[in-house]
Structures are given as C-alpha cells and as structure tokens.
C-alpha cells in the first residue's frame, strides 16, 4: 500500500511553500483556565479544536468537563422550573410587608425643637378636638402603627404581625430552590446528583423534563466528499497496521510516517471531524491524535504500546469503517 507514497510525497511536502507544522495543543492547565468558555461553547474554532484534541486522550480533564456540564445543566433546569412554577403564594406581599416601615426615613432634630413641639402639639390637639368629628373615619392598621411609634421612628412589628409575615412567605416543604447545589463550592471533586430534578417539585410533577444526555446521534454525512472517505480509508488501514502486535517497528513506522505526511492525514482528520457530530466526531478526533503522534514517533522509543491501547479501546478502525459504509450507502440513494 506504500508503493505510490514516495512519488506523492515530493508534490505535497512543499505545498504552498511550507511544510506541515506541529498542531496547536492544550494541556490540563489550559483546560482548567478555559473551563467556563469550554462549557459555554465560547471558544473560537482553533481553540475548540485544540481543546478537543487534548480531551480525547485525557481522562481527568474529560471528567472535569463532564461534571461542569452536568452542574451547568442542573442550574439551568432549576431556573427553568422556578420560572415555570412561579414564586410561592404570598411571597411578594410578605417582602413588601417586611420592608414598608424600614423605608421610612429617620429625622433627627435638635432637643429644643422637640421641646417646643410638645407645646405646639398640645394646642393643635385642643383645636382638633373642637373642630373635627371624631367618628368621621376609623384608624387603619398602619395609622395605629404610626401612632405607636411616632413620626421619624422605625418600629418593630408586634409578635402577631411577625407571625403573619412569616406565614405569608413561608415556602412549602416540597418547593425546590436549588439550595443544596448553591450552598456548596465546586472544587473539581464535588459530584452532585444533578441528572434529575426532585420529584417533589410542583413544577416537575406538572410536566415532563427530558434528562441531560450526551449527543451520540449519527452524523449527517452529506457534507463528506469522496476524497474525505478515501482519507478515512487510508487512516483505517494505518490504524489496523499499527495495532498489529507483530508490526516491524524499524521497517514500517517510517513508511507510515511518509504516508501521513504526503497525504496530510493529520490535518485532514481535523477537517473531517469538524463535519461530524457526537460519538463519530470524538472517534475521528482520537484518530487524529493517534496519527499526529505516530507522525512524530521515533523507532528507538520502542513499542508504541499506548497508541495501540487507544486504538483497541476506541475501536477506531471499526468506527471509521462504519462511517465509510454509511456514506457509501447514502451516496447511492
């Protein structure tokens, strides 16, 4: 399969006056620094590609991202449920009741004004009794409260009033507020049960909420070209060959590296991955990582044990073959 690669290599290695450069990568520190941007999908295409390239081979960072995504989804669902169900009955009235007196300004006056005020108050009271019909209006609850405290003073609600206020804003025992989640600090190790919303929530019982699931739907292969499937086929052959424990490292690795360079397979895998979704996208990104490392592999390093493990665990040749088969079937329709 490598007979034609030497000839093709001469026409590709100097394409556009440049050689293949090392691909941009991220490490664990970069992933943690950009955790929020990764979860919110706010990275530019180059950064997203570099992050995904790291994640396909780093279990620790994948776990960190998955936990952050679950927490983000849980908070979003909690907010949606509260917005749907609304606030508890009497909540707004209870808040206003508690703040109406606190909003009254305090007025501090000199002592001599307060003393002269008693004289004026006595005269005014005498005149009011003589001219106003006492029974014309009944005092309201607020008037009574104002009279008991005097102008400019902040009152303390009576025990009965406090009890009524507490009752009016008390939340039902089944009302879900997300307090358990907000009261903890996420440090990378906390793994809450955020896959489901409490069934005691009244909003939850009134409608169905779909669980958070990883997108593993099959990709739309209509965007792939015949050249893309040929590149996938070549990569599948290389991965099969590399996974063979009887591979002659000194002889075959250099030939495989020339094939990768002449066909620009590492770059092509990244371009193809951008056109796929879900499990198939992750598989092609993992294949890109293996191809990239294989291109930089040196025979004196010994057996490529780790690369073989990745190929076997991910069943990369099988996934790639299934993509090619589905593309071939769809192109005939």
C-alpha atoms as a PDB file:
ATOM      1  CA  UNK A   1       0.000   0.000   0.000  1.00  0.00           C
ATOM      2  CA  UNK A   2       3.003   2.335   0.322  1.00  0.00           C
ATOM      3  CA  UNK A   3       4.393   1.957  -3.268  1.00  0.00           C
ATOM      4  CA  UNK A   4       2.864   5.216  -4.514  1.00  0.00           C
ATOM      5  CA  UNK A   5       3.562   7.356  -1.451  1.00  0.00           C
ATOM      6  CA  UNK A   6       7.187   8.243  -2.323  1.00  0.00           C
ATOM      7  CA  UNK A   7       6.105   9.854  -5.601  1.00  0.00           C
ATOM      8  CA  UNK A   8       3.196  11.752  -3.977  1.00  0.00           C
ATOM      9  CA  UNK A   9       5.407  12.961  -1.174  1.00  0.00           C
ATOM     10  CA  UNK A  10       7.527  15.158  -3.457  1.00  0.00           C
ATOM     11  CA  UNK A  11       4.446  17.017  -4.721  1.00  0.00           C
ATOM     12  CA  UNK A  12       2.921  17.589  -1.277  1.00  0.00           C
ATOM     13  CA  UNK A  13       5.736  18.353   1.163  1.00  0.00           C
ATOM     14  CA  UNK A  14       6.426  21.809  -0.297  1.00  0.00           C
ATOM     15  CA  UNK A  15       2.769  22.639  -0.995  1.00  0.00           C
ATOM     16  CA  UNK A  16       2.151  26.402  -0.764  1.00  0.00           C
ATOM     17  CA  UNK A  17       5.827  26.873   0.081  1.00  0.00           C
ATOM     18  CA  UNK A  18       5.561  25.427   3.551  1.00  0.00           C
ATOM     19  CA  UNK A  19       5.824  22.124   5.395  1.00  0.00           C
ATOM     20  CA  UNK A  20       3.469  20.584   7.870  1.00  0.00           C
ATOM     21  CA  UNK A  21       3.790  22.355  11.224  1.00  0.00           C
ATOM     22  CA  UNK A  22       3.147  20.955  14.677  1.00  0.00           C
ATOM     23  CA  UNK A  23      -0.516  21.292  15.607  1.00  0.00           C
ATOM     24  CA  UNK A  24      -1.595  23.613  18.370  1.00  0.00           C
ATOM     25  CA  UNK A  25      -2.315  21.787  21.592  1.00  0.00           C
ATOM     26  CA  UNK A  26      -3.600  22.478  25.094  1.00  0.00           C
ATOM     27  CA  UNK A  27      -2.597  20.929  28.401  1.00  0.00           C
ATOM     28  CA  UNK A  28      -4.514  20.334  31.620  1.00  0.00           C
ATOM     29  CA  UNK A  29      -3.726  23.829  32.917  1.00  0.00           C
ATOM     30  CA  UNK A  30      -5.162  25.411  29.757  1.00  0.00           C
ATOM     31  CA  UNK A  31      -8.329  23.297  30.025  1.00  0.00           C
ATOM     32  CA  UNK A  32      -8.920  24.385  33.634  1.00  0.00           C
ATOM     33  CA  UNK A  33      -8.252  28.039  32.746  1.00  0.00           C
ATOM     34  CA  UNK A  34     -10.788  27.913  29.907  1.00  0.00           C
ATOM     35  CA  UNK A  35     -13.292  25.639  31.673  1.00  0.00           C
ATOM     36  CA  UNK A  36     -16.132  28.159  31.607  1.00  0.00           C
ATOM     37  CA  UNK A  37     -15.573  29.017  27.935  1.00  0.00           C
ATOM     38  CA  UNK A  38     -15.482  25.319  27.012  1.00  0.00           C
ATOM     39  CA  UNK A  39     -18.728  24.528  28.831  1.00  0.00           C
ATOM     40  CA  UNK A  40     -20.469  27.612  27.344  1.00  0.00           C
ATOM     41  CA  UNK A  41     -19.036  26.862  23.853  1.00  0.00           C
ATOM     42  CA  UNK A  42     -17.395  30.282  23.613  1.00  0.00           C
ATOM     43  CA  UNK A  43     -14.044  29.178  22.175  1.00  0.00           C
ATOM     44  CA  UNK A  44     -13.047  30.095  18.649  1.00  0.00           C
ATOM     45  CA  UNK A  45     -12.696  27.149  16.212  1.00  0.00           C
ATOM     46  CA  UNK A  46      -8.902  26.861  16.643  1.00  0.00           C
ATOM     47  CA  UNK A  47      -9.093  26.817  20.443  1.00  0.00           C
ATOM     48  CA  UNK A  48     -12.035  24.402  20.429  1.00  0.00           C
ATOM     49  CA  UNK A  49     -10.149  22.029  18.175  1.00  0.00           C
ATOM     50  CA  UNK A  50      -7.041  22.204  20.379  1.00  0.00           C
ATOM     51  CA  UNK A  51      -9.145  21.559  23.497  1.00  0.00           C
ATOM     52  CA  UNK A  52     -10.930  18.575  21.930  1.00  0.00           C
ATOM     53  CA  UNK A  53      -7.603  17.165  20.804  1.00  0.00           C
ATOM     54  CA  UNK A  54      -6.418  17.202  24.426  1.00  0.00           C
ATOM     55  CA  UNK A  55      -9.681  15.870  25.842  1.00  0.00           C
ATOM     56  CA  UNK A  56      -9.774  12.745  23.696  1.00  0.00           C
ATOM     57  CA  UNK A  57      -6.676  11.465  25.489  1.00  0.00           C
ATOM     58  CA  UNK A  58      -7.038  12.978  28.994  1.00  0.00           C
ATOM     59  CA  UNK A  59      -9.495  11.164  31.266  1.00  0.00           C
ATOM     60  CA  UNK A  60      -9.060  13.652  34.127  1.00  0.00           C
ATOM     61  CA  UNK A  61      -9.956  16.676  32.002  1.00  0.00           C
ATOM     62  CA  UNK A  62     -12.870  14.875  30.366  1.00  0.00           C
ATOM     63  CA  UNK A  63     -14.266  14.078  33.815  1.00  0.00           C
ATOM     64  CA  UNK A  64     -13.840  17.717  34.867  1.00  0.00           C
ATOM     65  CA  UNK A  65     -15.677  18.968  31.772  1.00  0.00           C
ATOM     66  CA  UNK A  66     -18.495  16.432  32.156  1.00  0.00           C
ATOM     67  CA  UNK A  67     -19.068  17.381  35.817  1.00  0.00           C
ATOM     68  CA  UNK A  68     -19.073  21.079  34.933  1.00  0.00           C
ATOM     69  CA  UNK A  69     -21.566  20.444  32.118  1.00  0.00           C
ATOM     70  CA  UNK A  70     -23.848  18.480  34.445  1.00  0.00           C
ATOM     71  CA  UNK A  71     -23.786  21.261  37.052  1.00  0.00           C
ATOM     72  CA  UNK A  72     -24.440  23.883  34.371  1.00  0.00           C
ATOM     73  CA  UNK A  73     -27.371  21.863  33.032  1.00  0.00           C
ATOM     74  CA  UNK A  74     -28.763  21.352  36.530  1.00  0.00           C
ATOM     75  CA  UNK A  75     -28.669  25.073  37.329  1.00  0.00           C
ATOM     76  CA  UNK A  76     -30.334  25.894  34.007  1.00  0.00           C
ATOM     77  CA  UNK A  77     -33.075  23.319  34.637  1.00  0.00           C
ATOM     78  CA  UNK A  78     -33.604  24.574  38.198  1.00  0.00           C
ATOM     79  CA  UNK A  79     -34.058  28.129  36.915  1.00  0.00           C
ATOM     80  CA  UNK A  80     -36.470  26.905  34.257  1.00  0.00           C
ATOM     81  CA  UNK A  81     -38.576  25.065  36.817  1.00  0.00           C
ATOM     82  CA  UNK A  82     -38.730  28.058  39.146  1.00  0.00           C
ATOM     83  CA  UNK A  83     -39.655  30.348  36.239  1.00  0.00           C
ATOM     84  CA  UNK A  84     -42.348  27.910  35.148  1.00  0.00           C
ATOM     85  CA  UNK A  85     -43.808  27.365  38.604  1.00  0.00           C
ATOM     86  CA  UNK A  86     -43.502  30.963  39.759  1.00  0.00           C
ATOM     87  CA  UNK A  87     -42.818  32.212  43.275  1.00  0.00           C
ATOM     88  CA  UNK A  88     -44.769  30.826  46.257  1.00  0.00           C
ATOM     89  CA  UNK A  89     -48.119  32.437  47.037  1.00  0.00           C
ATOM     90  CA  UNK A  90     -47.746  35.488  49.244  1.00  0.00           C
ATOM     91  CA  UNK A  91     -44.007  35.879  48.615  1.00  0.00           C
ATOM     92  CA  UNK A  92     -44.199  39.371  47.123  1.00  0.00           C
ATOM     93  CA  UNK A  93     -46.691  40.593  49.728  1.00  0.00           C
ATOM     94  CA  UNK A  94     -44.511  39.234  52.501  1.00  0.00           C
ATOM     95  CA  UNK A  95     -41.431  41.038  51.198  1.00  0.00           C
ATOM     96  CA  UNK A  96     -43.312  44.337  50.883  1.00  0.00           C
ATOM     97  CA  UNK A  97     -44.770  43.957  54.372  1.00  0.00           C
ATOM     98  CA  UNK A  98     -41.321  43.464  55.826  1.00  0.00           C
ATOM     99  CA  UNK A  99     -39.790  46.473  54.062  1.00  0.00           C
ATOM    100  CA  UNK A 100     -42.524  49.145  54.180  1.00  0.00           C
ATOM    101  CA  UNK A 101     -41.536  50.521  57.591  1.00  0.00           C
ATOM    102  CA  UNK A 102     -37.838  50.164  57.031  1.00  0.00           C
ATOM    103  CA  UNK A 103     -38.189  52.545  54.062  1.00  0.00           C
ATOM    104  CA  UNK A 104     -39.446  55.424  56.285  1.00  0.00           C
ATOM    105  CA  UNK A 105     -36.626  57.982  56.773  1.00  0.00           C
ATOM    106  CA  UNK A 106     -35.389  58.803  60.237  1.00  0.00           C
ATOM    107  CA  UNK A 107     -35.478  62.505  61.129  1.00  0.00           C
ATOM    108  CA  UNK A 108     -33.098  63.720  63.820  1.00  0.00           C
ATOM    109  CA  UNK A 109     -33.970  67.112  65.262  1.00  0.00           C
ATOM    110  CA  UNK A 110     -32.349  69.252  67.988  1.00  0.00           C
ATOM    111  CA  UNK A 111     -33.684  68.858  71.511  1.00  0.00           C
ATOM    112  CA  UNK A 112     -35.116  72.408  71.724  1.00  0.00           C
ATOM    113  CA  UNK A 113     -37.267  71.740  68.620  1.00  0.00           C
ATOM    114  CA  UNK A 114     -38.598  68.559  70.233  1.00  0.00           C
ATOM    115  CA  UNK A 115     -39.447  70.519  73.451  1.00  0.00           C
ATOM    116  CA  UNK A 116     -41.264  73.292  71.582  1.00  0.00           C
ATOM    117  CA  UNK A 117     -43.077  70.666  69.596  1.00  0.00           C
ATOM    118  CA  UNK A 118     -44.866  69.432  72.716  1.00  0.00           C
ATOM    119  CA  UNK A 119     -46.372  72.912  73.248  1.00  0.00           C
ATOM    120  CA  UNK A 120     -47.494  73.143  69.612  1.00  0.00           C
ATOM    121  CA  UNK A 121     -48.865  69.605  69.761  1.00  0.00           C
ATOM    122  CA  UNK A 122     -50.998  70.416  72.838  1.00  0.00           C
ATOM    123  CA  UNK A 123     -52.509  73.483  71.134  1.00  0.00           C
ATOM    124  CA  UNK A 124     -53.143  71.592  67.931  1.00  0.00           C
ATOM    125  CA  UNK A 125     -54.835  68.770  69.801  1.00  0.00           C
ATOM    126  CA  UNK A 126     -57.235  71.159  71.528  1.00  0.00           C
ATOM    127  CA  UNK A 127     -58.173  72.772  68.218  1.00  0.00           C
ATOM    128  CA  UNK A 128     -58.614  69.358  66.509  1.00  0.00           C
ATOM    129  CA  UNK A 129     -60.981  68.073  69.193  1.00  0.00           C
ATOM    130  CA  UNK A 130     -63.126  71.181  68.820  1.00  0.00           C
ATOM    131  CA  UNK A 131     -63.361  71.192  65.036  1.00  0.00           C
ATOM    132  CA  UNK A 132     -63.120  67.591  63.774  1.00  0.00           C
ATOM    133  CA  UNK A 133     -65.833  64.991  64.017  1.00  0.00           C
ATOM    134  CA  UNK A 134     -64.198  62.192  65.961  1.00  0.00           C
ATOM    135  CA  UNK A 135     -66.217  59.446  64.339  1.00  0.00           C
ATOM    136  CA  UNK A 136     -65.693  60.549  60.713  1.00  0.00           C
ATOM    137  CA  UNK A 137     -63.078  57.890  59.977  1.00  0.00           C
ATOM    138  CA  UNK A 138     -61.734  54.747  61.624  1.00  0.00           C
ATOM    139  CA  UNK A 139     -57.969  54.446  62.118  1.00  0.00           C
ATOM    140  CA  UNK A 140     -56.228  51.930  59.874  1.00  0.00           C
ATOM    141  CA  UNK A 141     -53.699  49.346  60.983  1.00  0.00           C
ATOM    142  CA  UNK A 142     -50.905  51.480  59.534  1.00  0.00           C
ATOM    143  CA  UNK A 143     -52.166  54.585  61.373  1.00  0.00           C
ATOM    144  CA  UNK A 144     -52.111  52.645  64.631  1.00  0.00           C
ATOM    145  CA  UNK A 145     -48.571  51.510  63.960  1.00  0.00           C
ATOM    146  CA  UNK A 146     -47.511  55.086  63.091  1.00  0.00           C
ATOM    147  CA  UNK A 147     -49.167  56.480  66.224  1.00  0.00           C
ATOM    148  CA  UNK A 148     -47.467  53.939  68.467  1.00  0.00           C
ATOM    149  CA  UNK A 149     -44.003  54.813  67.206  1.00  0.00           C
ATOM    150  CA  UNK A 150     -44.249  58.494  66.361  1.00  0.00           C
ATOM    151  CA  UNK A 151     -43.023  60.254  63.207  1.00  0.00           C
ATOM    152  CA  UNK A 152     -39.480  59.558  62.079  1.00  0.00           C
ATOM    153  CA  UNK A 153     -39.054  56.430  64.169  1.00  0.00           C
ATOM    154  CA  UNK A 154     -38.526  52.866  62.967  1.00  0.00           C
ATOM    155  CA  UNK A 155     -40.924  50.415  64.514  1.00  0.00           C
ATOM    156  CA  UNK A 156     -40.572  46.766  65.351  1.00  0.00           C
ATOM    157  CA  UNK A 157     -43.543  44.656  64.228  1.00  0.00           C
ATOM    158  CA  UNK A 158     -45.512  43.058  67.008  1.00  0.00           C
ATOM    159  CA  UNK A 159     -45.167  39.294  67.562  1.00  0.00           C
ATOM    160  CA  UNK A 160     -48.581  38.750  65.950  1.00  0.00           C
ATOM    161  CA  UNK A 161     -47.584  40.809  62.887  1.00  0.00           C
ATOM    162  CA  UNK A 162     -44.247  38.993  62.602  1.00  0.00           C
ATOM    163  CA  UNK A 163     -46.002  35.664  62.792  1.00  0.00           C
ATOM    164  CA  UNK A 164     -48.389  36.673  59.996  1.00  0.00           C
ATOM    165  CA  UNK A 165     -45.491  37.869  57.854  1.00  0.00           C
ATOM    166  CA  UNK A 166     -43.537  34.672  58.409  1.00  0.00           C
ATOM    167  CA  UNK A 167     -46.569  32.626  57.476  1.00  0.00           C
ATOM    168  CA  UNK A 168     -47.219  34.591  54.301  1.00  0.00           C
ATOM    169  CA  UNK A 169     -43.772  33.973  52.806  1.00  0.00           C
ATOM    170  CA  UNK A 170     -43.119  30.520  54.145  1.00  0.00           C
ATOM    171  CA  UNK A 171     -42.248  28.086  51.347  1.00  0.00           C
ATOM    172  CA  UNK A 172     -43.963  24.731  51.007  1.00  0.00           C
ATOM    173  CA  UNK A 173     -41.837  21.824  52.129  1.00  0.00           C
ATOM    174  CA  UNK A 174     -41.850  20.454  48.605  1.00  0.00           C
ATOM    175  CA  UNK A 175     -40.699  23.660  46.891  1.00  0.00           C
ATOM    176  CA  UNK A 176     -37.334  23.143  45.183  1.00  0.00           C
ATOM    177  CA  UNK A 177     -34.961  26.122  45.370  1.00  0.00           C
ATOM    178  CA  UNK A 178     -31.643  24.546  44.442  1.00  0.00           C
ATOM    179  CA  UNK A 179     -30.194  25.497  47.829  1.00  0.00           C
ATOM    180  CA  UNK A 180     -28.325  22.212  48.150  1.00  0.00           C
ATOM    181  CA  UNK A 181     -26.441  22.998  44.959  1.00  0.00           C
ATOM    182  CA  UNK A 182     -25.782  26.682  45.658  1.00  0.00           C
ATOM    183  CA  UNK A 183     -24.563  26.048  49.203  1.00  0.00           C
ATOM    184  CA  UNK A 184     -21.554  24.060  48.024  1.00  0.00           C
ATOM    185  CA  UNK A 185     -18.396  25.252  46.303  1.00  0.00           C
ATOM    186  CA  UNK A 186     -17.342  23.336  43.198  1.00  0.00           C
ATOM    187  CA  UNK A 187     -13.664  22.355  43.520  1.00  0.00           C
ATOM    188  CA  UNK A 188     -13.371  19.747  40.761  1.00  0.00           C
ATOM    189  CA  UNK A 189     -14.188  16.792  43.035  1.00  0.00           C
ATOM    190  CA  UNK A 190     -17.778  17.500  44.053  1.00  0.00           C
ATOM    191  CA  UNK A 191     -20.158  15.240  42.098  1.00  0.00           C
ATOM    192  CA  UNK A 192     -23.782  16.132  42.947  1.00  0.00           C
ATOM    193  CA  UNK A 193     -26.768  14.168  41.762  1.00  0.00           C
ATOM    194  CA  UNK A 194     -27.763  16.644  39.063  1.00  0.00           C
ATOM    195  CA  UNK A 195     -29.091  14.199  36.500  1.00  0.00           C
ATOM    196  CA  UNK A 196     -32.644  14.553  37.763  1.00  0.00           C
ATOM    197  CA  UNK A 197     -34.805  17.201  39.415  1.00  0.00           C
ATOM    198  CA  UNK A 198     -36.518  16.395  42.702  1.00  0.00           C
ATOM    199  CA  UNK A 199     -39.886  14.771  42.017  1.00  0.00           C
ATOM    200  CA  UNK A 200     -41.318  16.732  44.952  1.00  0.00           C
ATOM    201  CA  UNK A 201     -41.140  19.966  42.990  1.00  0.00           C
ATOM    202  CA  UNK A 202     -44.662  21.088  41.990  1.00  0.00           C
ATOM    203  CA  UNK A 203     -43.389  22.297  38.607  1.00  0.00           C
ATOM    204  CA  UNK A 204     -41.761  18.942  37.976  1.00  0.00           C
ATOM    205  CA  UNK A 205     -44.946  16.981  38.578  1.00  0.00           C
ATOM    206  CA  UNK A 206     -46.885  19.144  36.138  1.00  0.00           C
ATOM    207  CA  UNK A 207     -44.726  18.422  33.087  1.00  0.00           C
ATOM    208  CA  UNK A 208     -42.013  16.150  31.786  1.00  0.00           C
ATOM    209  CA  UNK A 209     -38.386  17.286  31.758  1.00  0.00           C
ATOM    210  CA  UNK A 210     -36.011  15.445  29.438  1.00  0.00           C
ATOM    211  CA  UNK A 211     -32.813  14.182  31.120  1.00  0.00           C
ATOM    212  CA  UNK A 212     -29.410  15.516  30.130  1.00  0.00           C
ATOM    213  CA  UNK A 213     -27.907  13.150  27.615  1.00  0.00           C
ATOM    214  CA  UNK A 214     -24.718  13.135  25.599  1.00  0.00           C
ATOM    215  CA  UNK A 215     -25.310  13.735  21.907  1.00  0.00           C
ATOM    216  CA  UNK A 216     -24.420  10.427  20.254  1.00  0.00           C
ATOM    217  CA  UNK A 217     -26.719  10.721  17.270  1.00  0.00           C
ATOM    218  CA  UNK A 218     -25.352   9.648  13.902  1.00  0.00           C
ATOM    219  CA  UNK A 219     -23.779  12.453  11.906  1.00  0.00           C
ATOM    220  CA  UNK A 220     -25.105  13.854   8.652  1.00  0.00           C
ATOM    221  CA  UNK A 221     -22.535  12.507   6.186  1.00  0.00           C
ATOM    222  CA  UNK A 222     -23.788  14.512   3.209  1.00  0.00           C
ATOM    223  CA  UNK A 223     -21.029  17.076   3.775  1.00  0.00           C
ATOM    224  CA  UNK A 224     -18.264  14.492   3.333  1.00  0.00           C
ATOM    225  CA  UNK A 225     -16.692  14.181  -0.081  1.00  0.00           C
ATOM    226  CA  UNK A 226     -15.209  11.160  -1.862  1.00  0.00           C
ATOM    227  CA  UNK A 227     -11.737  12.496  -1.026  1.00  0.00           C
ATOM    228  CA  UNK A 228     -12.711  12.586   2.667  1.00  0.00           C
ATOM    229  CA  UNK A 229     -13.747   8.926   2.627  1.00  0.00           C
ATOM    230  CA  UNK A 230     -10.514   7.972   0.836  1.00  0.00           C
ATOM    231  CA  UNK A 231      -8.528   9.718   3.573  1.00  0.00           C
ATOM    232  CA  UNK A 232     -10.600   7.901   6.203  1.00  0.00           C
ATOM    233  CA  UNK A 233      -9.908   4.586   4.476  1.00  0.00           C
ATOM    234  CA  UNK A 234      -6.134   5.232   4.483  1.00  0.00           C
ATOM    235  CA  UNK A 235      -6.225   6.138   8.179  1.00  0.00           C
ATOM    236  CA  UNK A 236      -8.200   2.983   8.942  1.00  0.00           C
ATOM    237  CA  UNK A 237      -5.512   0.883   7.232  1.00  0.00           C
ATOM    238  CA  UNK A 238      -2.736   2.650   9.137  1.00  0.00           C
ATOM    239  CA  UNK A 239      -4.505   2.139  12.475  1.00  0.00           C
ATOM    240  CA  UNK A 240      -5.080  -1.547  11.730  1.00  0.00           C
ATOM    241  CA  UNK A 241      -1.405  -1.930  10.868  1.00  0.00           C
ATOM    242  CA  UNK A 242      -0.247  -0.061  13.978  1.00  0.00           C
ATOM    243  CA  UNK A 243      -2.496  -2.188  16.226  1.00  0.00           C
ATOM    244  CA  UNK A 244      -0.818  -5.367  14.928  1.00  0.00           C
ATOM    245  CA  UNK A 245       1.497  -6.622  17.714  1.00  0.00           C
ATOM    246  CA  UNK A 246       3.697  -8.240  15.054  1.00  0.00           C
ATOM    247  CA  UNK A 247       4.453  -4.888  13.414  1.00  0.00           C
ATOM    248  CA  UNK A 248       8.118  -4.479  12.484  1.00  0.00           C
ATOM    249  CA  UNK A 249       8.745  -1.061  14.040  1.00  0.00           C
ATOM    250  CA  UNK A 250      12.045  -0.117  12.284  1.00  0.00           C
ATOM    251  CA  UNK A 251      10.672  -1.031   8.849  1.00  0.00           C
ATOM    252  CA  UNK A 252       7.012   0.026   8.915  1.00  0.00           C
ATOM    253  CA  UNK A 253       6.930   3.170  11.086  1.00  0.00           C
ATOM    254  CA  UNK A 254       8.992   5.293   8.626  1.00  0.00           C
ATOM    255  CA  UNK A 255       6.760   4.173   5.742  1.00  0.00           C
ATOM    256  CA  UNK A 256       3.644   5.044   7.716  1.00  0.00           C
ATOM    257  CA  UNK A 257       5.078   8.454   8.582  1.00  0.00           C
ATOM    258  CA  UNK A 258       5.757   9.196   4.908  1.00  0.00           C
ATOM    259  CA  UNK A 259       2.163   8.274   4.099  1.00  0.00           C
ATOM    260  CA  UNK A 260       0.852  10.598   6.835  1.00  0.00           C
ATOM    261  CA  UNK A 261       2.995  13.484   5.595  1.00  0.00           C
ATOM    262  CA  UNK A 262       2.319  13.078   1.878  1.00  0.00           C
ATOM    263  CA  UNK A 263      -1.449  12.765   2.320  1.00  0.00           C
ATOM    264  CA  UNK A 264      -1.673  15.434   5.062  1.00  0.00           C
ATOM    265  CA  UNK A 265      -3.680  12.905   7.059  1.00  0.00           C
ATOM    266  CA  UNK A 266      -3.400  14.619  10.428  1.00  0.00           C
ATOM    267  CA  UNK A 267      -4.781  17.879   9.042  1.00  0.00           C
ATOM    268  CA  UNK A 268      -7.432  16.062   7.014  1.00  0.00           C
ATOM    269  CA  UNK A 269      -8.719  14.257  10.102  1.00  0.00           C
ATOM    270  CA  UNK A 270      -9.252  17.590  11.845  1.00  0.00           C
ATOM    271  CA  UNK A 271     -11.185  18.937   8.847  1.00  0.00           C
ATOM    272  CA  UNK A 272     -13.350  15.807   8.687  1.00  0.00           C
ATOM    273  CA  UNK A 273     -14.045  15.884  12.433  1.00  0.00           C
ATOM    274  CA  UNK A 274     -15.461  19.400  12.068  1.00  0.00           C
ATOM    275  CA  UNK A 275     -18.161  17.979   9.786  1.00  0.00           C
ATOM    276  CA  UNK A 276     -19.247  15.207  12.195  1.00  0.00           C
ATOM    277  CA  UNK A 277     -21.102  15.074  15.491  1.00  0.00           C
ATOM    278  CA  UNK A 278     -21.330  13.043  18.681  1.00  0.00           C
ATOM    279  CA  UNK A 279     -19.531   9.723  19.000  1.00  0.00           C
ATOM    280  CA  UNK A 280     -18.239   9.781  15.424  1.00  0.00           C
ATOM    281  CA  UNK A 281     -16.696  13.212  15.881  1.00  0.00           C
ATOM    282  CA  UNK A 282     -14.932  12.099  19.054  1.00  0.00           C
ATOM    283  CA  UNK A 283     -13.627   8.968  17.323  1.00  0.00           C
ATOM    284  CA  UNK A 284     -12.146  10.957  14.420  1.00  0.00           C
ATOM    285  CA  UNK A 285     -10.524  13.417  16.838  1.00  0.00           C
ATOM    286  CA  UNK A 286      -8.984  10.487  18.668  1.00  0.00           C
ATOM    287  CA  UNK A 287      -7.778   9.050  15.356  1.00  0.00           C
ATOM    288  CA  UNK A 288      -6.283  12.451  14.514  1.00  0.00           C
ATOM    289  CA  UNK A 289      -4.393  12.397  17.811  1.00  0.00           C
ATOM    290  CA  UNK A 290      -3.013   8.899  17.122  1.00  0.00           C
ATOM    291  CA  UNK A 291      -1.963   9.882  13.595  1.00  0.00           C
ATOM    292  CA  UNK A 292      -0.280  13.047  14.854  1.00  0.00           C
ATOM    293  CA  UNK A 293       1.697  11.153  17.472  1.00  0.00           C
ATOM    294  CA  UNK A 294       2.561   8.435  15.013  1.00  0.00           C
ATOM    295  CA  UNK A 295       3.978  11.073  12.649  1.00  0.00           C
ATOM    296  CA  UNK A 296       6.364  12.229  15.399  1.00  0.00           C
ATOM    297  CA  UNK A 297       7.202   8.705  16.655  1.00  0.00           C
ATOM    298  CA  UNK A 298      10.813   7.553  16.605  1.00  0.00           C
ATOM    299  CA  UNK A 299      11.762   3.909  16.248  1.00  0.00           C
ATOM    300  CA  UNK A 300      14.193   3.994  19.161  1.00  0.00           C
ATOM    301  CA  UNK A 301      11.273   4.721  21.506  1.00  0.00           C
ATOM    302  CA  UNK A 302      10.317   1.045  21.303  1.00  0.00           C
ATOM    303  CA  UNK A 303       6.850  -0.441  21.030  1.00  0.00           C
ATOM    304  CA  UNK A 304       4.015   2.142  20.657  1.00  0.00           C
ATOM    305  CA  UNK A 305       2.078   0.490  23.477  1.00  0.00           C
ATOM    306  CA  UNK A 306      -0.069   3.490  24.421  1.00  0.00           C
ATOM    307  CA  UNK A 307      -1.112   4.158  20.829  1.00  0.00           C
ATOM    308  CA  UNK A 308      -2.126   0.543  20.399  1.00  0.00           C
ATOM    309  CA  UNK A 309      -4.200   0.688  23.577  1.00  0.00           C
ATOM    310  CA  UNK A 310      -6.070   3.772  22.315  1.00  0.00           C
ATOM    311  CA  UNK A 311      -6.834   2.049  19.009  1.00  0.00           C
ATOM    312  CA  UNK A 312      -8.109  -1.126  20.690  1.00  0.00           C
ATOM    313  CA  UNK A 313     -10.130   0.611  23.418  1.00  0.00           C
ATOM    314  CA  UNK A 314     -11.811   3.031  20.995  1.00  0.00           C
ATOM    315  CA  UNK A 315     -12.217   0.501  18.173  1.00  0.00           C
ATOM    316  CA  UNK A 316     -11.183   3.268  15.819  1.00  0.00           C
ATOM    317  CA  UNK A 317     -10.871   1.149  12.628  1.00  0.00           C
ATOM    318  CA  UNK A 318     -14.410  -0.202  13.156  1.00  0.00           C
ATOM    319  CA  UNK A 319     -15.903   3.254  13.721  1.00  0.00           C
ATOM    320  CA  UNK A 320     -14.157   4.659  10.655  1.00  0.00           C
ATOM    321  CA  UNK A 321     -15.286   1.700   8.540  1.00  0.00           C
ATOM    322  CA  UNK A 322     -18.895   2.255   9.662  1.00  0.00           C
ATOM    323  CA  UNK A 323     -18.693   5.926   8.623  1.00  0.00           C
ATOM    324  CA  UNK A 324     -17.381   4.944   5.194  1.00  0.00           C
ATOM    325  CA  UNK A 325     -20.108   2.298   4.793  1.00  0.00           C
ATOM    326  CA  UNK A 326     -22.888   4.717   5.746  1.00  0.00           C
ATOM    327  CA  UNK A 327     -21.533   7.370   3.399  1.00  0.00           C
ATOM    328  CA  UNK A 328     -21.373   4.848   0.550  1.00  0.00           C
ATOM    329  CA  UNK A 329     -24.971   3.743   1.177  1.00  0.00           C
ATOM    330  CA  UNK A 330     -26.307   7.296   1.388  1.00  0.00           C
ATOM    331  CA  UNK A 331     -24.491   8.367  -1.771  1.00  0.00           C
ATOM    332  CA  UNK A 332     -26.307   5.679  -3.748  1.00  0.00           C
ATOM    333  CA  UNK A 333     -29.747   6.963  -2.812  1.00  0.00           C
END
